């Protein structure tokens, strides 16, 4: 790997790239893709990690922002990329002419040249709240990342790294979270295992003796369905890290029962990386923690604040604010959004939650995942949790759609438990008792499964569009 990185470093420099050059990374999941990103960092480039699923319009917008080169696996397989790149050089990681044949790495090949205060990477957010934003991270912040400095690892980090002996690498390397976790595996002496496509979950675990995997909530549900319905070998697993969207407490409890003490419930953002984790041993010792996302990492300072930015007492719900050395330093070409989120060294997560006396975080929704009915704000998270607490309901998702009388109306989509036939009136009554009549959904629609966006998260935009088309 070091030889491969060194070869790419020489190739990038030979192509005229220098510290501060902005390069777009449009690569799949391969050893070469990992190596070329690290090489770009060694050179000191600003790396723009293009995520899968970008629209052509968004791709055009990104490539118009002073991109010096595009690094890609195979330009011939990406005609839309070549068309939008125009005169920007396309450097193929698999090309015969570039990079030059790797040789023994010299000191200059592996000496990082990045400016500590300069931008090292721009990660694109999932776009779950609208157009994807670019989160800029300095080289200094990358150097402070909780996963990238083994000499600074805490006991919790070392425990997690020990479980990452064979880490399943799939999906995309452009994800800030995936990149830091594969680095955790490699720096802990583990192996990143790239399986053939298409992946077969959960059989892939046994096929490759996988010990660790990151997964979204919808994929976890599919794994649990398979394990529940047939004999599946998951005995190699040591860590299944679940993150990206809310996980109902009863499903976390079920996952622990079906898969054993391997499920880690984590919370983080593109802007910050991983913030909290609930370890399986903690859940086993206290099943009441099933509704939490664990405690903040030792590198994370966390508070809960009211709308005025004032700290709230333990147990009170408010917006979660965090401070950490490896957080992003601003949104790409968006000073207004940057000023909204970054405040005096703190990051406003725009997620709602509360901390208990032991430091465990319980999330209750996003500050902007709301439905405004008759000028009154209703957060989707609490309604979803109440609906999912009904014994007939497996999953629940709440959206708002325009309404001539009330401005917006609350609609709920529910995935029933196997064999159950939920009663819409009973579900409305449950919400009324728990949250009041004003929070009761106008419509309760049963669905077989939730649509999933390219990010791997539940696609609420698709749910909303299904209603607007009626």
Protein backbone atom coordinates (compact mmCIF):
# COMPACT_ATOMS: atom_id res chain seq x y z
CA UNK A 1 0.00 0.00 0.00
CA UNK A 2 2.84 2.41 0.82
CA UNK A 3 4.45 1.61 -2.54
CA UNK A 4 1.14 2.29 -4.29
CA UNK A 5 0.68 5.59 -2.44
CA UNK A 6 4.22 6.65 -3.30
CA UNK A 7 3.60 5.92 -6.97
CA UNK A 8 0.47 8.03 -6.96
CA UNK A 9 2.32 10.85 -5.16
CA UNK A 10 4.88 10.92 -7.96
CA UNK A 11 2.11 10.76 -10.54
CA UNK A 12 0.14 13.64 -9.01
CA UNK A 13 3.24 15.81 -8.78
CA UNK A 14 4.16 14.88 -12.34
CA UNK A 15 0.71 16.08 -13.42
CA UNK A 16 1.53 19.50 -11.97
CA UNK A 17 -0.44 19.24 -8.73
CA UNK A 18 1.01 21.06 -5.73
CA UNK A 19 -0.06 21.89 -2.17
CA UNK A 20 -3.41 23.67 -2.34
CA UNK A 21 -4.41 22.27 -5.75
CA UNK A 22 -8.08 21.28 -5.70
CA UNK A 23 -8.80 17.79 -7.04
CA UNK A 24 -12.11 15.99 -7.35
CA UNK A 25 -12.13 12.31 -6.42
CA UNK A 26 -14.57 10.22 -8.45
CA UNK A 27 -13.50 6.70 -7.59
CA UNK A 28 -15.06 3.45 -6.47
CA UNK A 29 -14.04 1.14 -3.65
CA UNK A 30 -10.63 -0.26 -4.55
CA UNK A 31 -7.14 -0.30 -3.03
CA UNK A 32 -6.15 2.20 -5.72
CA UNK A 33 -8.97 4.56 -4.75
CA UNK A 34 -7.85 4.53 -1.12
CA UNK A 35 -4.19 4.98 -2.10
CA UNK A 36 -4.82 7.89 -4.47
CA UNK A 37 -6.76 9.78 -1.84
CA UNK A 38 -3.99 9.35 0.70
CA UNK A 39 -1.48 10.37 -2.00
CA UNK A 40 -3.46 13.53 -2.72
CA UNK A 41 -3.26 14.37 0.97
CA UNK A 42 0.49 13.70 1.00
CA UNK A 43 0.88 16.16 -1.87
CA UNK A 44 -1.21 18.63 0.13
CA UNK A 45 -4.15 18.91 -2.27
CA UNK A 46 -7.67 19.97 -1.40
CA UNK A 47 -9.61 16.76 -2.01
CA UNK A 48 -13.25 17.09 -3.04
CA UNK A 49 -14.82 13.69 -2.37
CA UNK A 50 -17.61 13.25 -4.92
CA UNK A 51 -20.29 11.02 -3.45
CA UNK A 52 -22.38 8.54 -5.46
CA UNK A 53 -25.78 9.72 -6.62
CA UNK A 54 -24.88 13.31 -7.44
CA UNK A 55 -27.17 14.78 -10.06
CA UNK A 56 -25.57 16.02 -13.25
CA UNK A 57 -26.47 19.57 -12.26
CA UNK A 58 -24.65 19.23 -8.94
CA UNK A 59 -21.66 17.60 -10.64
CA UNK A 60 -21.47 20.51 -13.08
CA UNK A 61 -21.64 23.01 -10.23
CA UNK A 62 -18.81 21.31 -8.32
CA UNK A 63 -16.49 20.95 -11.31
CA UNK A 64 -16.90 24.65 -12.07
CA UNK A 65 -15.25 25.57 -8.75
CA UNK A 66 -11.58 25.82 -9.73
CA UNK A 67 -10.91 22.07 -9.95
CA UNK A 68 -7.35 21.38 -11.12
CA UNK A 69 -7.87 17.67 -11.92
CA UNK A 70 -10.35 14.85 -11.57
CA UNK A 71 -9.13 11.49 -10.30
CA UNK A 72 -11.27 8.66 -11.61
CA UNK A 73 -11.10 4.88 -12.01
CA UNK A 74 -12.00 4.75 -15.68
CA UNK A 75 -13.03 7.83 -17.64
CA UNK A 76 -14.56 5.74 -20.43
CA UNK A 77 -17.14 4.36 -18.02
CA UNK A 78 -18.18 7.84 -16.89
CA UNK A 79 -19.17 9.75 -20.04
CA UNK A 80 -21.17 12.30 -18.01
CA UNK A 81 -18.08 13.05 -15.93
CA UNK A 82 -15.96 13.59 -19.02
CA UNK A 83 -18.65 15.80 -20.55
CA UNK A 84 -18.97 18.02 -17.49
CA UNK A 85 -15.20 18.16 -16.87
CA UNK A 86 -14.59 20.05 -20.10
CA UNK A 87 -10.89 20.91 -20.18
CA UNK A 88 -10.15 19.63 -16.65
CA UNK A 89 -7.56 16.81 -16.81
CA UNK A 90 -8.93 13.35 -16.01
CA UNK A 91 -6.33 11.16 -14.27
CA UNK A 92 -7.23 7.48 -14.25
CA UNK A 93 -6.15 5.43 -11.25
CA UNK A 94 -6.21 2.28 -13.38
CA UNK A 95 -4.55 3.78 -16.45
CA UNK A 96 -1.38 2.24 -17.86
CA UNK A 97 0.29 5.61 -18.43
CA UNK A 98 -0.52 7.10 -15.05
CA UNK A 99 0.71 6.79 -12.37
CA UNK A 100 4.29 5.71 -13.09
CA UNK A 101 5.24 2.25 -11.95
CA UNK A 102 5.66 2.25 -8.17
CA UNK A 103 9.18 1.92 -6.81
CA UNK A 104 10.68 1.91 -3.37
CA UNK A 105 9.19 4.90 -1.53
CA UNK A 106 11.68 7.65 -0.86
CA UNK A 107 11.43 10.15 2.01
CA UNK A 108 9.93 12.80 -0.25
CA UNK A 109 7.25 10.41 -1.54
CA UNK A 110 5.63 9.94 1.87
CA UNK A 111 6.25 13.30 3.53
CA UNK A 112 3.00 15.22 3.93
CA UNK A 113 3.08 18.73 2.42
CA UNK A 114 -0.36 19.99 3.41
CA UNK A 115 -0.84 23.35 5.12
CA UNK A 116 -2.11 22.64 8.64
CA UNK A 117 -4.53 25.57 8.41
CA UNK A 118 -5.51 24.84 4.82
CA UNK A 119 -8.44 22.72 3.66
CA UNK A 120 -7.50 19.06 3.32
CA UNK A 121 -10.83 17.56 2.28
CA UNK A 122 -14.31 18.70 1.29
CA UNK A 123 -16.93 16.07 2.06
CA UNK A 124 -20.38 16.38 0.54
CA UNK A 125 -23.30 15.84 2.91
CA UNK A 126 -26.04 13.35 2.11
CA UNK A 127 -28.44 16.11 1.09
CA UNK A 128 -31.17 14.75 3.39
CA UNK A 129 -32.23 18.33 4.17
CA UNK A 130 -31.85 19.69 0.62
CA UNK A 131 -28.96 20.36 -1.75
CA UNK A 132 -25.70 18.65 -0.67
CA UNK A 133 -23.32 20.96 1.18
CA UNK A 134 -19.55 20.76 1.13
CA UNK A 135 -18.00 20.44 4.60
CA UNK A 136 -14.39 21.66 4.68
CA UNK A 137 -11.88 20.02 7.04
CA UNK A 138 -8.37 21.40 7.54
CA UNK A 139 -5.23 19.32 7.55
CA UNK A 140 -4.84 20.25 11.21
CA UNK A 141 -8.27 18.80 11.99
CA UNK A 142 -7.52 15.64 10.00
CA UNK A 143 -4.38 15.24 12.11
CA UNK A 144 -6.55 15.37 15.26
CA UNK A 145 -9.14 12.84 14.05
CA UNK A 146 -10.03 10.39 16.83
CA UNK A 147 -9.35 7.39 14.55
CA UNK A 148 -6.13 8.50 12.85
CA UNK A 149 -3.69 8.82 15.77
CA UNK A 150 -3.12 5.41 17.42
CA UNK A 151 -0.79 6.92 20.02
CA UNK A 152 -3.74 8.95 21.32
CA UNK A 153 -6.36 6.20 21.29
CA UNK A 154 -8.45 5.85 24.41
CA UNK A 155 -9.59 2.52 25.83
CA UNK A 156 -12.88 2.76 23.94
CA UNK A 157 -11.11 3.41 20.64
CA UNK A 158 -8.72 0.52 21.20
CA UNK A 159 -11.63 -1.81 21.99
CA UNK A 160 -13.34 -0.86 18.75
CA UNK A 161 -10.14 -1.15 16.71
CA UNK A 162 -9.55 -4.63 18.12
CA UNK A 163 -12.93 -5.70 16.71
CA UNK A 164 -11.98 -4.35 13.25
CA UNK A 165 -9.61 -7.21 12.32
CA UNK A 166 -11.51 -7.80 9.05
CA UNK A 167 -13.50 -4.68 8.17
CA UNK A 168 -16.10 -4.88 5.39
CA UNK A 169 -15.35 -2.01 2.98
CA UNK A 170 -18.16 -1.26 0.52
CA UNK A 171 -20.41 1.52 -0.73
CA UNK A 172 -18.11 4.52 -1.08
CA UNK A 173 -14.80 5.88 0.16
CA UNK A 174 -16.11 9.42 -0.25
CA UNK A 175 -18.02 9.11 3.03
CA UNK A 176 -16.26 10.89 5.89
CA UNK A 177 -17.44 8.20 8.28
CA UNK A 178 -16.44 5.23 6.10
CA UNK A 179 -12.98 6.71 5.50
CA UNK A 180 -12.25 7.24 9.19
CA UNK A 181 -13.46 3.75 10.10
CA UNK A 182 -11.44 1.95 7.44
CA UNK A 183 -8.42 3.92 8.66
CA UNK A 184 -9.21 2.75 12.20
CA UNK A 185 -9.06 -0.83 10.95
CA UNK A 186 -5.80 -0.39 9.05
CA UNK A 187 -4.04 1.57 11.78
CA UNK A 188 -5.07 -1.12 14.28
CA UNK A 189 -3.41 -3.79 12.15
CA UNK A 190 -6.66 -4.97 10.56
CA UNK A 191 -7.57 -5.78 6.97
CA UNK A 192 -10.06 -3.95 4.77
CA UNK A 193 -12.04 -6.57 2.84
CA UNK A 194 -13.63 -5.45 -0.44
CA UNK A 195 -16.25 -8.02 -1.51
CA UNK A 196 -17.46 -8.79 -5.00
CA UNK A 197 -20.63 -7.09 -6.17
CA UNK A 198 -23.49 -7.40 -5.70
CA UNK A 199 -23.22 -7.85 -1.95
CA UNK A 200 -25.34 -10.50 -0.27
CA UNK A 201 -26.27 -9.49 3.25
CA UNK A 202 -25.87 -11.14 5.69
CA UNK A 203 -24.13 -14.04 3.89
CA UNK A 204 -21.16 -11.77 3.13
CA UNK A 205 -20.14 -11.93 6.80
CA UNK A 206 -19.50 -15.67 6.73
CA UNK A 207 -18.16 -15.66 3.16
CA UNK A 208 -15.29 -13.36 4.13
CA UNK A 209 -15.05 -13.97 7.91
CA UNK A 210 -15.99 -10.34 8.49
CA UNK A 211 -15.50 -9.10 12.04
CA UNK A 212 -16.71 -5.50 11.60
CA UNK A 213 -19.14 -3.63 9.40
CA UNK A 214 -20.81 -0.23 9.30
CA UNK A 215 -24.45 -0.25 8.31
CA UNK A 216 -27.44 2.02 7.95
CA UNK A 217 -30.69 1.37 9.78
CA UNK A 218 -32.61 0.10 6.70
CA UNK A 219 -29.83 -2.39 5.95
CA UNK A 220 -29.85 -3.56 9.58
CA UNK A 221 -33.57 -4.25 9.27
CA UNK A 222 -32.88 -6.41 6.22
CA UNK A 223 -30.17 -8.31 8.09
CA UNK A 224 -32.52 -8.95 11.01
CA UNK A 225 -35.27 -10.15 8.68
CA UNK A 226 -32.86 -12.64 7.12
CA UNK A 227 -31.49 -13.90 10.45
CA UNK A 228 -35.02 -14.26 11.81
CA UNK A 229 -36.27 -16.21 8.78
CA UNK A 230 -33.41 -18.61 8.07
CA UNK A 231 -30.18 -20.01 9.47
CA UNK A 232 -27.43 -17.47 8.77
CA UNK A 233 -23.89 -17.62 10.13
CA UNK A 234 -22.93 -14.29 11.70
CA UNK A 235 -20.55 -15.78 14.26
CA UNK A 236 -17.49 -13.95 12.89
CA UNK A 237 -18.97 -10.53 13.71
CA UNK A 238 -17.46 -8.54 16.56
CA UNK A 239 -18.79 -5.08 15.69
CA UNK A 240 -21.83 -4.07 13.67
CA UNK A 241 -21.87 -0.28 13.87
CA UNK A 242 -25.33 1.13 13.13
CA UNK A 243 -25.69 4.84 12.33
CA UNK A 244 -27.17 7.36 9.91
CA UNK A 245 -30.80 7.61 11.05
CA UNK A 246 -32.93 6.86 14.13
CA UNK A 247 -33.02 3.25 15.33
CA UNK A 248 -36.11 2.26 17.30
CA UNK A 249 -35.23 0.90 20.78
CA UNK A 250 -37.11 -2.36 20.24
CA UNK A 251 -35.13 -3.00 17.05
CA UNK A 252 -31.81 -2.39 18.82
CA UNK A 253 -32.89 -4.83 21.53
CA UNK A 254 -33.92 -7.35 18.87
CA UNK A 255 -30.61 -6.90 17.04
CA UNK A 256 -28.68 -7.65 20.22
CA UNK A 257 -30.80 -10.75 20.83
CA UNK A 258 -30.42 -12.10 17.29
CA UNK A 259 -26.79 -11.16 16.59
CA UNK A 260 -25.25 -11.25 20.06
CA UNK A 261 -23.11 -8.62 21.81
CA UNK A 262 -21.81 -7.00 18.62
CA UNK A 263 -24.21 -4.15 17.83
CA UNK A 264 -22.81 -0.65 18.38
CA UNK A 265 -25.29 2.22 18.09
CA UNK A 266 -23.42 5.31 16.90
CA UNK A 267 -24.23 8.92 16.11
CA UNK A 268 -22.29 11.42 14.06
CA UNK A 269 -22.41 13.84 11.17
CA UNK A 270 -20.42 14.60 8.05
CA UNK A 271 -19.43 17.87 9.75
CA UNK A 272 -17.98 16.14 12.80
CA UNK A 273 -17.35 12.46 12.22
CA UNK A 274 -18.50 10.03 14.89
CA UNK A 275 -19.65 11.74 18.09
CA UNK A 276 -21.09 9.04 20.34
CA UNK A 277 -21.28 5.27 20.53
CA UNK A 278 -23.23 2.82 22.67
CA UNK A 279 -21.16 -0.33 23.14
CA UNK A 280 -22.92 -3.72 23.34
CA UNK A 281 -21.56 -4.34 26.83
CA UNK A 282 -23.24 -1.14 28.02
CA UNK A 283 -26.58 -2.24 26.58
CA UNK A 284 -26.24 -5.70 28.11
CA UNK A 285 -25.55 -4.18 31.53
CA UNK A 286 -28.45 -1.73 31.26
CA UNK A 287 -31.20 -2.62 28.72
CA UNK A 288 -32.78 0.78 29.46
CA UNK A 289 -30.08 2.33 27.28
CA UNK A 290 -31.73 0.95 24.13
CA UNK A 291 -33.21 4.38 23.44
CA UNK A 292 -29.81 6.11 23.56
CA UNK A 293 -26.93 6.53 21.12
CA UNK A 294 -24.36 6.13 23.86
CA UNK A 295 -21.84 8.50 25.38
CA UNK A 296 -19.69 11.07 23.59
CA UNK A 297 -16.22 9.99 22.54
CA UNK A 298 -13.48 11.19 24.84
CA UNK A 299 -12.46 13.73 22.19
CA UNK A 300 -15.95 15.28 22.09
CA UNK A 301 -17.37 17.97 24.39
CA UNK A 302 -21.17 18.01 24.24
CA UNK A 303 -23.89 20.25 25.64
CA UNK A 304 -27.64 20.64 25.13
CA UNK A 305 -28.90 24.19 24.66
CA UNK A 306 -32.14 26.12 24.35
CA UNK A 307 -33.01 28.19 21.22
CA UNK A 308 -31.12 31.13 22.72
CA UNK A 309 -27.90 29.10 22.97
CA UNK A 310 -28.04 28.71 26.76
CA UNK A 311 -27.05 25.39 28.39
CA UNK A 312 -29.96 23.32 29.65
CA UNK A 313 -29.93 21.18 32.81
CA UNK A 314 -29.39 17.41 32.64
CA UNK A 315 -32.47 15.65 31.33
CA UNK A 316 -33.89 18.65 29.43
CA UNK A 317 -34.39 18.40 25.67
CA UNK A 318 -32.77 20.95 23.40
CA UNK A 319 -30.36 21.29 20.50
CA UNK A 320 -27.15 19.29 20.73
CA UNK A 321 -23.95 21.36 20.45
CA UNK A 322 -20.48 19.80 20.20
CA UNK A 323 -16.88 20.94 20.31
CA UNK A 324 -13.98 18.81 19.03
CA UNK A 325 -10.59 19.37 17.45
CA UNK A 326 -11.35 17.41 14.27
CA UNK A 327 -14.62 19.12 13.28
CA UNK A 328 -15.11 20.89 9.97
CA UNK A 329 -14.25 24.59 9.69
CA UNK A 330 -17.00 25.75 7.34
CA UNK A 331 -19.29 25.03 4.41
CA UNK A 332 -17.77 25.36 0.97
CA UNK A 333 -18.59 28.78 -0.50
CA UNK A 334 -21.46 29.24 1.95
CA UNK A 335 -20.51 31.77 4.65
CA UNK A 336 -24.12 32.27 5.72
CA UNK A 337 -24.65 28.59 6.53
CA UNK A 338 -21.22 28.45 8.17
CA UNK A 339 -22.10 31.34 10.49
CA UNK A 340 -25.38 29.62 11.34
CA UNK A 341 -23.74 26.33 12.38
CA UNK A 342 -20.31 27.32 13.77
CA UNK A 343 -20.47 29.43 16.93
CA UNK A 344 -17.37 30.32 18.97
CA UNK A 345 -15.68 26.98 18.32
CA UNK A 346 -18.88 24.96 18.77
CA UNK A 347 -20.86 23.06 16.13
CA UNK A 348 -24.64 23.23 16.21
CA UNK A 349 -25.72 19.75 15.18
CA UNK A 350 -29.32 20.92 14.65
CA UNK A 351 -30.37 17.64 16.24
CA UNK A 352 -32.60 17.55 19.29
CA UNK A 353 -31.72 15.46 22.30
CA UNK A 354 -31.06 15.27 26.02
CA UNK A 355 -28.15 14.07 28.17
CA UNK A 356 -28.72 12.04 31.32
CA UNK A 357 -26.67 12.20 34.50
CA UNK A 358 -24.26 9.55 33.21
CA UNK A 359 -23.66 11.36 29.93
CA UNK A 360 -25.78 9.15 27.66
CA UNK A 361 -27.41 10.98 24.75
CA UNK A 362 -30.99 10.37 23.69
CA UNK A 363 -31.98 11.95 20.39
CA UNK A 364 -35.50 13.09 19.62
CA UNK A 365 -35.29 14.47 16.07
CA UNK A 366 -33.85 17.21 13.91
CA UNK A 367 -34.57 20.85 14.55
CA UNK A 368 -35.58 21.19 10.90
CA UNK A 369 -37.46 17.87 10.56
CA UNK A 370 -40.69 19.62 11.42
CA UNK A 371 -44.28 20.03 10.31
CA UNK A 372 -45.89 23.43 10.92
CA UNK A 373 -49.63 23.05 11.50
CA UNK A 374 -51.66 26.21 12.14
CA UNK A 375 -48.38 28.03 12.84
CA UNK A 376 -47.47 25.49 15.55
CA UNK A 377 -44.22 23.50 15.13
CA UNK A 378 -44.41 19.72 15.51
CA UNK A 379 -41.17 17.72 15.46
CA UNK A 380 -41.34 14.52 13.43
CA UNK A 381 -39.07 12.53 15.78
CA UNK A 382 -41.35 12.33 18.82
CA UNK A 383 -44.37 11.37 16.69
CA UNK A 384 -42.33 8.65 14.98
CA UNK A 385 -41.18 7.23 18.29
CA UNK A 386 -44.70 7.10 19.71
CA UNK A 387 -46.01 5.30 16.60
CA UNK A 388 -43.08 2.84 16.63
CA UNK A 389 -43.79 2.02 20.28
CA UNK A 390 -47.10 0.38 19.29
CA UNK A 391 -46.76 -3.43 19.27
CA UNK A 392 -48.13 -3.65 15.72
CA UNK A 393 -45.56 -1.20 14.28
CA UNK A 394 -42.02 -1.99 13.24
CA UNK A 395 -41.01 1.41 11.76
CA UNK A 396 -42.65 4.84 11.48
CA UNK A 397 -41.85 7.91 9.39
CA UNK A 398 -43.56 11.29 9.57
CA UNK A 399 -43.63 13.95 6.84
CA UNK A 400 -45.48 17.19 6.26
CA UNK A 401 -47.32 18.12 3.08
CA UNK A 402 -48.97 21.42 2.07
CA UNK A 403 -52.55 21.87 3.26
CA UNK A 404 -54.92 24.67 2.26
CA UNK A 405 -56.51 24.90 5.71
CA UNK A 406 -53.60 24.38 8.10
CA UNK A 407 -50.52 25.34 6.09
CA UNK A 408 -49.09 21.84 6.45
CA UNK A 409 -50.56 18.52 7.55
CA UNK A 410 -48.92 15.64 9.40
CA UNK A 411 -48.87 12.31 7.58
CA UNK A 412 -47.36 9.08 8.90
CA UNK A 413 -46.04 6.05 7.05
CA UNK A 414 -45.82 2.85 9.10
CA UNK A 415 -44.20 -0.51 8.41
CA UNK A 416 -46.20 -3.17 10.32
CA UNK A 417 -44.71 -5.96 12.36
CA UNK A 418 -44.83 -9.29 10.45
CA UNK A 419 -48.42 -10.52 10.33
CA UNK A 420 -49.84 -7.43 12.04
CA UNK A 421 -52.65 -5.27 10.64
CA UNK A 422 -52.36 -1.88 12.37
CA UNK A 423 -55.50 0.07 13.18
CA UNK A 424 -55.08 3.68 12.06
CA UNK A 425 -57.51 4.99 14.66
CA UNK A 426 -55.66 3.17 17.43
CA UNK A 427 -52.40 4.71 16.28
CA UNK A 428 -53.93 8.20 16.16
CA UNK A 429 -55.32 7.66 19.63
CA UNK A 430 -51.89 6.67 20.92
CA UNK A 431 -50.35 9.87 19.52
CA UNK A 432 -53.18 11.94 21.01
CA UNK A 433 -52.62 10.46 24.46
CA UNK A 434 -48.84 10.86 24.36
CA UNK A 435 -48.42 14.15 22.50
CA UNK A 436 -51.83 15.80 22.29
CA UNK A 437 -54.51 16.09 19.63
CA UNK A 438 -52.57 18.67 17.60
CA UNK A 439 -49.81 16.12 16.86
CA UNK A 440 -52.18 13.45 15.52
CA UNK A 441 -51.41 12.51 11.87
CA UNK A 442 -54.12 13.32 9.34
CA UNK A 443 -53.17 10.20 7.42
CA UNK A 444 -51.61 6.90 8.49
CA UNK A 445 -50.40 4.89 5.51
CA UNK A 446 -49.12 1.33 5.73
CA UNK A 447 -46.11 0.44 3.56
CA UNK A 448 -44.16 -2.77 3.07
CA UNK A 449 -40.77 -1.08 3.32
CA UNK A 450 -39.40 2.43 3.40
CA UNK A 451 -37.73 3.79 0.25
CA UNK A 452 -34.01 4.35 0.72
CA UNK A 453 -32.07 7.32 -0.67
CA UNK A 454 -28.61 7.05 -2.25
CA UNK A 455 -27.14 7.97 1.14
CA UNK A 456 -28.59 4.80 2.65
CA UNK A 457 -31.03 6.79 4.80
CA UNK A 458 -34.83 6.55 4.68
CA UNK A 459 -36.02 8.70 1.76
CA UNK A 460 -38.60 11.04 3.24
CA UNK A 461 -38.65 13.10 0.05
CA UNK A 462 -39.95 10.05 -1.81
CA UNK A 463 -42.60 9.45 0.86
CA UNK A 464 -43.69 13.07 0.66
CA UNK A 465 -43.80 12.94 -3.15
CA UNK A 466 -46.04 9.87 -3.03
CA UNK A 467 -48.60 11.92 -1.10
CA UNK A 468 -48.32 15.04 -3.23
CA UNK A 469 -49.00 12.96 -6.32
CA UNK A 470 -52.33 11.72 -4.97
